[in-house]
Each structure stands twice: as structure tokens, then as C-alpha cells.
Amino acid sequence: MSGKRKTPRTSTETTTENTDRIKERRWMRDAFIDVQAELDIKIKRASGSIKHGGQQGAVNEDNWLEILRAYLPDRYEVDSGTIIDSRGSRSDQIDIVIHDRHFTPTLLNQQRHRYIPAEAVYAVFECKPHIDKAYLDYAGNKAASVRRLHRTSIPIPHAGGVYPAKPHNEILAGILAERCDWQDGMGESFQKHLPRTGLERLDCGCALNHGAFELHPETGLSVVPAGGALMYFLFRLLSRLQSLGSVPAIDWLAYAEILRD
């Protein structure tokens, strides 16, 4: 067999390559941390300059909405709103709703407030100034108000026949804040009070100054420290959303029945 024999790399070349790779990873990590620091500054500025609690909360909510809209693919819509179902029920007001924007329109929209069909929802989040037991319970109750709604799913005709009705995905839920109020951040106290089961379960979240968490059905609870917490949260959220696929086909006739009552 003819051909030139490949010259083995020297230890110097290997060391240089490894050093370059470390620098590239460090550059990317620093860039991600800068995004987190910028969001933290915006939230601190709001808390320092806006004294009205409702207005401060609205500004913080807008900052989180902006981050999620920037990093989630266009197939997802990110809004505040109320979730409704075909039986006339509705959820509590939800700070952040990640929902389908391709197959399912929002309904009864009024200015900035959206009414979103339950079938379109992928995830819901509450934005709070900090995380403590009361806010964890609050976010869990908000999640339950969404998860208990009725969702339809119908078969989908296609050129070769009909796809069966798609099973409903678990709706993800979580909490977003600047900090945790416990001395150990997302340590023992946080983990003790985190809702882990039932309709109140919180799957993921972020406290910018203390870390991020994910409660995965297969691997359990994971917690990371503050450095890079925002991007960890976003990447884990992207992975979870990716695993859900598309929303089921909504039964619009079920919604039309509301008009017959």
C-alpha cells in the first residue's frame, strides 16, 4: 500500500491545541456569565429605583421574558397570560408561559394580556424577587392551576392516512428570581421545601445570585452554583423542551361547543 505516513504530533503541538481549546471554552463561559451579570444588573436597578412592588415585579418579569425570547427558538412563543380550556375553565394569571406559536393561536387577547389554550402550553414560570418557602408554594400552586386544566387531542390526517391523537406532554413548571433567601442558597433548606411531586411539582428554575436547579424524572435533582447558572438553566430548559416535541392537535370543535351553551 502506497502513501505518505502521517507524521505523529509532537507533545508541544498537543499542548498548544489543548491550551487553545481551554481558552475557547473560557471565552464562551465568560460570555455566558456576562449575559447573567447584565440581567442581574437590570433586576437590581429595578429594585433600587422602583418603589412600587407591582411595577417592580412587572419590570423584572419583562427582563426574564426578554431573556427567554432571545434564547428560545422561534417555534416557541413566550408571554404572560392566562391558560384556558375547552370546558370554560382557566388558570391563575401566569408570569411566563412558553407555548406553541405555529399550530395554536392565542384567544381573547386584550392589549398585552394573552389567553392561551391549554393544549398549546409547554412550560410555565413564576418570576419573584427571591426564592423562599412561601414563593415555592406559590409557584407550585400556579403550576397546579395550569396542569389541572382539560386538554384535547385529535388524530391528524396526512397524505398517507391518519396519525393517532398525540398523548399530552407533562407541562413543565418553575420559578425565576434574583436570589434565594436561605443562608445556604439552594442548599438543604431549598431542597427540603421544593415541590417535587403532583400538580405542584417545580421542574427547573434559576436564582441568579445562588444557582440553578433541575428536577429530572430520571436523574433526580441537580443544582449548580451561581457562576453560569442562567445559561445552565436555559440549556437544560432547551433540552427538556426539545424532548417534548410538538404539541397535540387541538380539537377546535370542543371550543366551539362553548358557544352553544
C-alpha atoms as a PDB file:
ATOM      1  CA  MET A   1       0.000   0.000   0.000  1.00  0.00           C
ATOM      2  CA  SER A   2       1.456   3.356  -1.040  1.00  0.00           C
ATOM      3  CA  GLY A   3       1.015   6.742   0.551  1.00  0.00           C
ATOM      4  CA  LYS A   4       2.681   9.044   2.972  1.00  0.00           C
ATOM      5  CA  ARG A   5       2.866   8.025   6.578  1.00  0.00           C
ATOM      6  CA  LYS A   6       1.157  10.535   8.863  1.00  0.00           C
ATOM      7  CA  THR A   7       3.665  12.380  11.000  1.00  0.00           C
ATOM      8  CA  PRO A   8       2.804  11.989  14.669  1.00  0.00           C
ATOM      9  CA  ARG A   9       2.118  15.220  16.527  1.00  0.00           C
ATOM     10  CA  THR A  10       4.694  16.412  18.977  1.00  0.00           C
ATOM     11  CA  SER A  11       3.907  16.948  22.637  1.00  0.00           C
ATOM     12  CA  THR A  12       4.296  20.697  22.065  1.00  0.00           C
ATOM     13  CA  GLU A  13       1.615  20.677  19.348  1.00  0.00           C
ATOM     14  CA  THR A  14      -0.738  18.683  21.547  1.00  0.00           C
ATOM     15  CA  THR A  15      -0.182  21.030  24.493  1.00  0.00           C
ATOM     16  CA  THR A  16      -0.809  24.084  22.285  1.00  0.00           C
ATOM     17  CA  GLU A  17      -4.035  22.569  20.950  1.00  0.00           C
ATOM     18  CA  ASN A  18      -5.269  21.791  24.475  1.00  0.00           C
ATOM     19  CA  THR A  19      -4.397  25.306  25.623  1.00  0.00           C
ATOM     20  CA  ASP A  20      -6.308  26.835  22.704  1.00  0.00           C
ATOM     21  CA  ARG A  21      -9.329  24.660  23.473  1.00  0.00           C
ATOM     22  CA  ILE A  22      -9.286  25.735  27.124  1.00  0.00           C
ATOM     23  CA  LYS A  23      -9.101  29.398  26.061  1.00  0.00           C
ATOM     24  CA  GLU A  24     -12.056  28.966  23.701  1.00  0.00           C
ATOM     25  CA  ARG A  25     -14.154  27.296  26.393  1.00  0.00           C
ATOM     26  CA  ARG A  26     -13.189  30.012  28.884  1.00  0.00           C
ATOM     27  CA  TRP A  27     -14.139  32.734  26.382  1.00  0.00           C
ATOM     28  CA  MET A  28     -17.558  31.178  25.821  1.00  0.00           C
ATOM     29  CA  ARG A  29     -18.132  30.647  29.553  1.00  0.00           C
ATOM     30  CA  ASP A  30     -17.180  34.273  30.292  1.00  0.00           C
ATOM     31  CA  ALA A  31     -19.564  35.479  27.581  1.00  0.00           C
ATOM     32  CA  PHE A  32     -22.410  33.465  29.111  1.00  0.00           C
ATOM     33  CA  ILE A  33     -21.602  34.807  32.578  1.00  0.00           C
ATOM     34  CA  ASP A  34     -21.718  38.362  31.163  1.00  0.00           C
ATOM     35  CA  VAL A  35     -25.293  37.740  29.990  1.00  0.00           C
ATOM     36  CA  GLN A  36     -26.207  36.643  33.511  1.00  0.00           C
ATOM     37  CA  ALA A  37     -24.488  39.683  35.055  1.00  0.00           C
ATOM     38  CA  GLU A  38     -26.363  42.010  32.701  1.00  0.00           C
ATOM     39  CA  LEU A  39     -29.724  40.510  33.724  1.00  0.00           C
ATOM     40  CA  ASP A  40     -28.747  40.754  37.395  1.00  0.00           C
ATOM     41  CA  ILE A  41     -27.909  44.461  36.976  1.00  0.00           C
ATOM     42  CA  LYS A  42     -31.274  45.150  35.321  1.00  0.00           C
ATOM     43  CA  ILE A  43     -33.145  43.444  38.163  1.00  0.00           C
ATOM     44  CA  LYS A  44     -31.090  45.268  40.835  1.00  0.00           C
ATOM     45  CA  ARG A  45     -31.698  48.580  39.053  1.00  0.00           C
ATOM     46  CA  ALA A  46     -35.441  47.947  39.074  1.00  0.00           C
ATOM     47  CA  SER A  47     -35.471  47.065  42.774  1.00  0.00           C
ATOM     48  CA  GLY A  48     -33.393  50.135  43.615  1.00  0.00           C
ATOM     49  CA  SER A  49     -35.282  52.706  41.546  1.00  0.00           C
ATOM     50  CA  ILE A  50     -38.889  51.439  41.517  1.00  0.00           C
ATOM     51  CA  LYS A  51     -40.559  51.508  44.895  1.00  0.00           C
ATOM     52  CA  HIS A  52     -43.998  50.244  43.884  1.00  0.00           C
ATOM     53  CA  GLY A  53     -43.985  46.458  44.266  1.00  0.00           C
ATOM     54  CA  GLY A  54     -46.324  45.806  41.349  1.00  0.00           C
ATOM     55  CA  GLN A  55     -44.340  47.963  38.932  1.00  0.00           C
ATOM     56  CA  GLN A  56     -41.059  46.447  40.105  1.00  0.00           C
ATOM     57  CA  GLY A  57     -42.441  42.962  39.564  1.00  0.00           C
ATOM     58  CA  ALA A  58     -43.638  43.866  36.073  1.00  0.00           C
ATOM     59  CA  VAL A  59     -40.183  45.179  35.101  1.00  0.00           C
ATOM     60  CA  ASN A  60     -38.457  42.056  36.434  1.00  0.00           C
ATOM     61  CA  GLU A  61     -40.956  39.897  34.574  1.00  0.00           C
ATOM     62  CA  ASP A  62     -40.205  41.808  31.352  1.00  0.00           C
ATOM     63  CA  ASN A  63     -36.464  41.209  31.848  1.00  0.00           C
ATOM     64  CA  TRP A  64     -36.976  37.449  32.157  1.00  0.00           C
ATOM     65  CA  LEU A  65     -39.343  37.461  29.176  1.00  0.00           C
ATOM     66  CA  GLU A  66     -36.675  39.233  27.122  1.00  0.00           C
ATOM     67  CA  ILE A  67     -34.020  36.638  28.018  1.00  0.00           C
ATOM     68  CA  LEU A  68     -36.256  33.672  27.183  1.00  0.00           C
ATOM     69  CA  ARG A  69     -37.394  35.209  23.896  1.00  0.00           C
ATOM     70  CA  ALA A  70     -33.759  35.794  22.937  1.00  0.00           C
ATOM     71  CA  TYR A  71     -32.619  32.224  23.565  1.00  0.00           C
ATOM     72  CA  LEU A  72     -35.605  30.035  22.695  1.00  0.00           C
ATOM     73  CA  PRO A  73     -36.172  29.015  19.052  1.00  0.00           C
ATOM     74  CA  ASP A  74     -38.860  30.813  17.053  1.00  0.00           C
ATOM     75  CA  ARG A  75     -41.210  27.830  17.306  1.00  0.00           C
ATOM     76  CA  TYR A  76     -41.886  28.887  20.901  1.00  0.00           C
ATOM     77  CA  GLU A  77     -43.867  31.950  21.958  1.00  0.00           C
ATOM     78  CA  VAL A  78     -43.110  33.490  25.365  1.00  0.00           C
ATOM     79  CA  ASP A  79     -45.800  35.600  27.036  1.00  0.00           C
ATOM     80  CA  SER A  80     -47.587  36.421  30.247  1.00  0.00           C
ATOM     81  CA  GLY A  81     -51.153  35.242  30.309  1.00  0.00           C
ATOM     82  CA  THR A  82     -53.969  33.044  31.500  1.00  0.00           C
ATOM     83  CA  ILE A  83     -54.437  29.465  30.330  1.00  0.00           C
ATOM     84  CA  ILE A  84     -57.945  28.384  29.293  1.00  0.00           C
ATOM     85  CA  ASP A  85     -59.533  25.088  28.289  1.00  0.00           C
ATOM     86  CA  SER A  86     -62.469  23.914  26.162  1.00  0.00           C
ATOM     87  CA  ARG A  87     -64.665  23.458  29.258  1.00  0.00           C
ATOM     88  CA  GLY A  88     -64.541  27.125  30.163  1.00  0.00           C
ATOM     89  CA  SER A  89     -62.011  26.760  32.992  1.00  0.00           C
ATOM     90  CA  ARG A  90     -58.959  28.959  33.366  1.00  0.00           C
ATOM     91  CA  SER A  91     -55.728  29.067  35.309  1.00  0.00           C
ATOM     92  CA  ASP A  92     -54.386  31.759  37.588  1.00  0.00           C
ATOM     93  CA  GLN A  93     -52.500  34.598  35.920  1.00  0.00           C
ATOM     94  CA  ILE A  94     -49.081  33.197  34.907  1.00  0.00           C
ATOM     95  CA  ASP A  95     -45.950  35.367  34.723  1.00  0.00           C
ATOM     96  CA  ILE A  96     -44.280  33.438  31.894  1.00  0.00           C
ATOM     97  CA  VAL A  97     -45.911  30.941  29.540  1.00  0.00           C
ATOM     98  CA  ILE A  98     -43.881  29.113  26.891  1.00  0.00           C
ATOM     99  CA  HIS A  99     -46.354  27.949  24.279  1.00  0.00           C
ATOM    100  CA  ASP A 100     -46.706  26.859  20.689  1.00  0.00           C
ATOM    101  CA  ARG A 101     -46.723  29.662  18.125  1.00  0.00           C
ATOM    102  CA  HIS A 102     -47.069  27.596  14.953  1.00  0.00           C
ATOM    103  CA  PHE A 103     -50.193  25.465  15.329  1.00  0.00           C
ATOM    104  CA  THR A 104     -52.181  27.195  18.072  1.00  0.00           C
ATOM    105  CA  PRO A 105     -53.277  30.854  18.166  1.00  0.00           C
ATOM    106  CA  THR A 106     -53.900  32.699  21.407  1.00  0.00           C
ATOM    107  CA  LEU A 107     -57.514  33.672  22.120  1.00  0.00           C
ATOM    108  CA  LEU A 108     -59.385  36.684  23.532  1.00  0.00           C
ATOM    109  CA  ASN A 109     -56.233  38.797  23.651  1.00  0.00           C
ATOM    110  CA  GLN A 110     -56.549  42.156  25.393  1.00  0.00           C
ATOM    111  CA  GLN A 111     -53.619  44.561  24.986  1.00  0.00           C
ATOM    112  CA  ARG A 112     -50.632  42.693  26.471  1.00  0.00           C
ATOM    113  CA  HIS A 113     -52.691  40.003  28.181  1.00  0.00           C
ATOM    114  CA  ARG A 114     -52.926  36.666  26.395  1.00  0.00           C
ATOM    115  CA  TYR A 115     -55.458  33.852  26.811  1.00  0.00           C
ATOM    116  CA  ILE A 116     -53.699  30.686  25.750  1.00  0.00           C
ATOM    117  CA  PRO A 117     -55.343  27.298  25.056  1.00  0.00           C
ATOM    118  CA  ALA A 118     -54.113  24.646  27.477  1.00  0.00           C
ATOM    119  CA  GLU A 119     -53.150  22.352  24.584  1.00  0.00           C
ATOM    120  CA  ALA A 120     -50.521  24.886  23.419  1.00  0.00           C
ATOM    121  CA  VAL A 121     -48.592  25.124  26.692  1.00  0.00           C
ATOM    122  CA  TYR A 122     -45.091  23.688  27.101  1.00  0.00           C
ATOM    123  CA  ALA A 123     -43.987  25.373  30.335  1.00  0.00           C
ATOM    124  CA  VAL A 124     -44.955  27.983  32.930  1.00  0.00           C
ATOM    125  CA  PHE A 125     -42.789  30.042  35.291  1.00  0.00           C
ATOM    126  CA  GLU A 126     -43.269  32.487  38.122  1.00  0.00           C
ATOM    127  CA  CYS A 127     -40.891  35.475  38.470  1.00  0.00           C
ATOM    128  CA  LYS A 128     -40.230  36.548  42.053  1.00  0.00           C
ATOM    129  CA  PRO A 129     -37.758  38.881  43.810  1.00  0.00           C
ATOM    130  CA  HIS A 130     -36.358  35.922  45.740  1.00  0.00           C
ATOM    131  CA  ILE A 131     -36.996  32.243  46.454  1.00  0.00           C
ATOM    132  CA  ASP A 132     -38.264  31.106  49.842  1.00  0.00           C
ATOM    133  CA  LYS A 133     -40.781  28.528  51.046  1.00  0.00           C
ATOM    134  CA  ALA A 134     -43.763  30.830  50.504  1.00  0.00           C
ATOM    135  CA  TYR A 135     -42.773  31.608  46.923  1.00  0.00           C
ATOM    136  CA  LEU A 136     -42.017  27.947  46.168  1.00  0.00           C
ATOM    137  CA  ASP A 137     -45.514  27.034  47.377  1.00  0.00           C
ATOM    138  CA  TYR A 138     -46.964  29.958  45.410  1.00  0.00           C
ATOM    139  CA  ALA A 139     -45.244  28.877  42.185  1.00  0.00           C
ATOM    140  CA  GLY A 140     -46.341  25.283  42.785  1.00  0.00           C
ATOM    141  CA  ASN A 141     -49.971  26.365  43.185  1.00  0.00           C
ATOM    142  CA  LYS A 142     -49.750  28.402  39.968  1.00  0.00           C
ATOM    143  CA  ALA A 143     -48.379  25.344  38.158  1.00  0.00           C
ATOM    144  CA  ALA A 144     -51.232  23.214  39.513  1.00  0.00           C
ATOM    145  CA  SER A 145     -53.817  25.721  38.251  1.00  0.00           C
ATOM    146  CA  VAL A 146     -52.463  25.065  34.741  1.00  0.00           C
ATOM    147  CA  ARG A 147     -51.892  21.327  34.958  1.00  0.00           C
ATOM    148  CA  ARG A 148     -55.403  20.557  36.176  1.00  0.00           C
ATOM    149  CA  LEU A 149     -56.995  22.076  33.060  1.00  0.00           C
ATOM    150  CA  HIS A 150     -58.564  19.802  30.439  1.00  0.00           C
ATOM    151  CA  ARG A 151     -56.602  19.304  27.206  1.00  0.00           C
ATOM    152  CA  THR A 152     -57.924  17.853  23.962  1.00  0.00           C
ATOM    153  CA  SER A 153     -56.020  15.889  21.311  1.00  0.00           C
ATOM    154  CA  ILE A 154     -57.360  14.661  17.998  1.00  0.00           C
ATOM    155  CA  PRO A 155     -55.995  12.469  15.153  1.00  0.00           C
ATOM    156  CA  ILE A 156     -54.072  14.271  12.385  1.00  0.00           C
ATOM    157  CA  PRO A 157     -54.880  13.458   8.717  1.00  0.00           C
ATOM    158  CA  HIS A 158     -51.918  13.278   6.339  1.00  0.00           C
ATOM    159  CA  ALA A 159     -51.240  12.175   2.760  1.00  0.00           C
ATOM    160  CA  GLY A 160     -50.730   8.539   3.741  1.00  0.00           C
ATOM    161  CA  GLY A 161     -53.546   8.216   6.257  1.00  0.00           C
ATOM    162  CA  VAL A 162     -54.106   9.473   9.789  1.00  0.00           C
ATOM    163  CA  TYR A 163     -51.704   9.910  12.690  1.00  0.00           C
ATOM    164  CA  PRO A 164     -53.269   8.867  16.001  1.00  0.00           C
ATOM    165  CA  ALA A 165     -54.028  11.509  18.615  1.00  0.00           C
ATOM    166  CA  LYS A 166     -50.805  12.547  20.372  1.00  0.00           C
ATOM    167  CA  PRO A 167     -50.598  11.915  24.130  1.00  0.00           C
ATOM    168  CA  HIS A 168     -50.294  15.051  26.215  1.00  0.00           C
ATOM    169  CA  ASN A 169     -46.858  16.106  27.393  1.00  0.00           C
ATOM    170  CA  GLU A 170     -46.163  16.920  31.009  1.00  0.00           C
ATOM    171  CA  ILE A 171     -46.300  20.711  31.356  1.00  0.00           C
ATOM    172  CA  LEU A 172     -43.022  21.960  32.820  1.00  0.00           C
ATOM    173  CA  ALA A 173     -43.077  24.493  35.650  1.00  0.00           C
ATOM    174  CA  GLY A 174     -40.536  26.521  37.572  1.00  0.00           C
ATOM    175  CA  ILE A 175     -39.504  29.695  39.366  1.00  0.00           C
ATOM    176  CA  LEU A 176     -37.133  32.532  38.422  1.00  0.00           C
ATOM    177  CA  ALA A 177     -35.606  35.048  40.832  1.00  0.00           C
ATOM    178  CA  GLU A 178     -32.552  37.106  41.668  1.00  0.00           C
ATOM    179  CA  ARG A 179     -31.613  35.198  44.819  1.00  0.00           C
ATOM    180  CA  CYS A 180     -32.555  32.599  47.422  1.00  0.00           C
ATOM    181  CA  ASP A 181     -33.426  33.792  50.915  1.00  0.00           C
ATOM    182  CA  TRP A 182     -31.805  30.848  52.710  1.00  0.00           C
ATOM    183  CA  GLN A 183     -28.265  31.276  54.031  1.00  0.00           C
ATOM    184  CA  ASP A 184     -27.108  28.220  52.101  1.00  0.00           C
ATOM    185  CA  GLY A 185     -28.788  29.349  48.864  1.00  0.00           C
ATOM    186  CA  MET A 186     -30.068  26.287  47.037  1.00  0.00           C
ATOM    187  CA  GLY A 187     -28.821  24.002  49.756  1.00  0.00           C
ATOM    188  CA  GLU A 188     -30.641  21.843  52.261  1.00  0.00           C
ATOM    189  CA  SER A 189     -33.491  24.241  53.089  1.00  0.00           C
ATOM    190  CA  PHE A 190     -34.307  24.927  49.446  1.00  0.00           C
ATOM    191  CA  GLN A 191     -34.185  21.253  48.561  1.00  0.00           C
ATOM    192  CA  LYS A 192     -36.373  20.362  51.548  1.00  0.00           C
ATOM    193  CA  HIS A 193     -39.152  22.759  50.523  1.00  0.00           C
ATOM    194  CA  LEU A 194     -39.002  22.321  46.719  1.00  0.00           C
ATOM    195  CA  PRO A 195     -42.313  20.817  45.497  1.00  0.00           C
ATOM    196  CA  ARG A 196     -41.260  17.561  43.822  1.00  0.00           C
ATOM    197  CA  THR A 197     -44.469  15.645  43.152  1.00  0.00           C
ATOM    198  CA  GLY A 198     -48.038  16.094  41.995  1.00  0.00           C
ATOM    199  CA  LEU A 199     -49.510  19.033  40.135  1.00  0.00           C
ATOM    200  CA  GLU A 200     -47.409  21.456  42.215  1.00  0.00           C
ATOM    201  CA  ARG A 201     -44.063  19.991  41.065  1.00  0.00           C
ATOM    202  CA  LEU A 202     -41.413  22.531  40.023  1.00  0.00           C
ATOM    203  CA  ASP A 203     -39.125  21.112  37.352  1.00  0.00           C
ATOM    204  CA  CYS A 204     -36.482  23.797  36.973  1.00  0.00           C
ATOM    205  CA  GLY A 205     -35.530  27.336  37.861  1.00  0.00           C
ATOM    206  CA  CYS A 206     -32.845  29.906  38.480  1.00  0.00           C
ATOM    207  CA  ALA A 207     -31.795  32.295  41.237  1.00  0.00           C
ATOM    208  CA  LEU A 208     -29.132  34.448  39.602  1.00  0.00           C
ATOM    209  CA  ASN A 209     -27.040  35.009  42.727  1.00  0.00           C
ATOM    210  CA  HIS A 210     -27.272  31.468  44.095  1.00  0.00           C
ATOM    211  CA  GLY A 211     -27.603  28.945  41.265  1.00  0.00           C
ATOM    212  CA  ALA A 212     -29.986  26.939  39.115  1.00  0.00           C
ATOM    213  CA  PHE A 213     -31.800  23.648  39.556  1.00  0.00           C
ATOM    214  CA  GLU A 214     -33.446  20.921  37.527  1.00  0.00           C
ATOM    215  CA  LEU A 215     -35.685  18.158  38.825  1.00  0.00           C
ATOM    216  CA  HIS A 216     -35.402  15.461  36.152  1.00  0.00           C
ATOM    217  CA  PRO A 217     -37.733  12.428  36.169  1.00  0.00           C
ATOM    218  CA  GLU A 218     -34.818  10.059  35.504  1.00  0.00           C
ATOM    219  CA  THR A 219     -31.805  11.606  37.237  1.00  0.00           C
ATOM    220  CA  GLY A 220     -33.465  13.451  40.118  1.00  0.00           C
ATOM    221  CA  LEU A 221     -32.491  16.882  41.438  1.00  0.00           C
ATOM    222  CA  SER A 222     -29.417  18.680  40.104  1.00  0.00           C
ATOM    223  CA  VAL A 223     -28.205  22.017  41.486  1.00  0.00           C
ATOM    224  CA  VAL A 224     -25.386  24.176  40.102  1.00  0.00           C
ATOM    225  CA  PRO A 225     -23.750  27.226  41.763  1.00  0.00           C
ATOM    226  CA  ALA A 226     -24.214  30.844  40.702  1.00  0.00           C
ATOM    227  CA  GLY A 227     -21.418  31.018  38.117  1.00  0.00           C
ATOM    228  CA  GLY A 228     -23.072  30.323  34.761  1.00  0.00           C
ATOM    229  CA  ALA A 229     -26.402  29.434  36.417  1.00  0.00           C
ATOM    230  CA  LEU A 230     -28.523  31.352  33.906  1.00  0.00           C
ATOM    231  CA  MET A 231     -27.099  29.599  30.861  1.00  0.00           C
ATOM    232  CA  TYR A 232     -27.215  26.227  32.608  1.00  0.00           C
ATOM    233  CA  PHE A 233     -30.918  26.837  33.255  1.00  0.00           C
ATOM    234  CA  LEU A 234     -31.532  27.908  29.660  1.00  0.00           C
ATOM    235  CA  PHE A 235     -29.664  24.960  28.132  1.00  0.00           C
ATOM    236  CA  ARG A 236     -31.412  22.457  30.405  1.00  0.00           C
ATOM    237  CA  LEU A 237     -34.758  24.062  29.590  1.00  0.00           C
ATOM    238  CA  LEU A 238     -33.998  23.849  25.861  1.00  0.00           C
ATOM    239  CA  SER A 239     -33.195  20.170  26.255  1.00  0.00           C
ATOM    240  CA  ARG A 240     -36.431  19.491  28.131  1.00  0.00           C
ATOM    241  CA  LEU A 241     -38.494  21.405  25.554  1.00  0.00           C
ATOM    242  CA  GLN A 242     -36.754  19.545  22.735  1.00  0.00           C
ATOM    243  CA  SER A 243     -37.710  16.228  24.318  1.00  0.00           C
ATOM    244  CA  LEU A 244     -41.398  17.218  24.350  1.00  0.00           C
ATOM    245  CA  GLY A 245     -41.659  17.512  20.565  1.00  0.00           C
ATOM    246  CA  SER A 246     -44.746  19.254  19.179  1.00  0.00           C
ATOM    247  CA  VAL A 247     -47.989  19.974  20.973  1.00  0.00           C
ATOM    248  CA  PRO A 248     -51.029  17.773  20.197  1.00  0.00           C
ATOM    249  CA  ALA A 249     -53.585  18.800  17.589  1.00  0.00           C
ATOM    250  CA  ILE A 250     -56.237  20.853  19.382  1.00  0.00           C
ATOM    251  CA  ASP A 251     -59.927  19.961  18.990  1.00  0.00           C
ATOM    252  CA  TRP A 252     -61.393  23.298  17.937  1.00  0.00           C
ATOM    253  CA  LEU A 253     -64.882  21.792  17.817  1.00  0.00           C
ATOM    254  CA  ALA A 254     -64.664  21.297  21.575  1.00  0.00           C
ATOM    255  CA  TYR A 255     -64.023  25.020  21.977  1.00  0.00           C
ATOM    256  CA  ALA A 256     -66.883  25.801  19.575  1.00  0.00           C
ATOM    257  CA  GLU A 257     -69.239  23.919  21.890  1.00  0.00           C
ATOM    258  CA  ILE A 258     -68.800  26.685  24.479  1.00  0.00           C
ATOM    259  CA  LEU A 259     -70.846  28.950  22.186  1.00  0.00           C
ATOM    260  CA  ARG A 260     -73.801  26.515  22.227  1.00  0.00           C
ATOM    261  CA  ASP A 261     -74.415  26.784  25.981  1.00  0.00           C
END
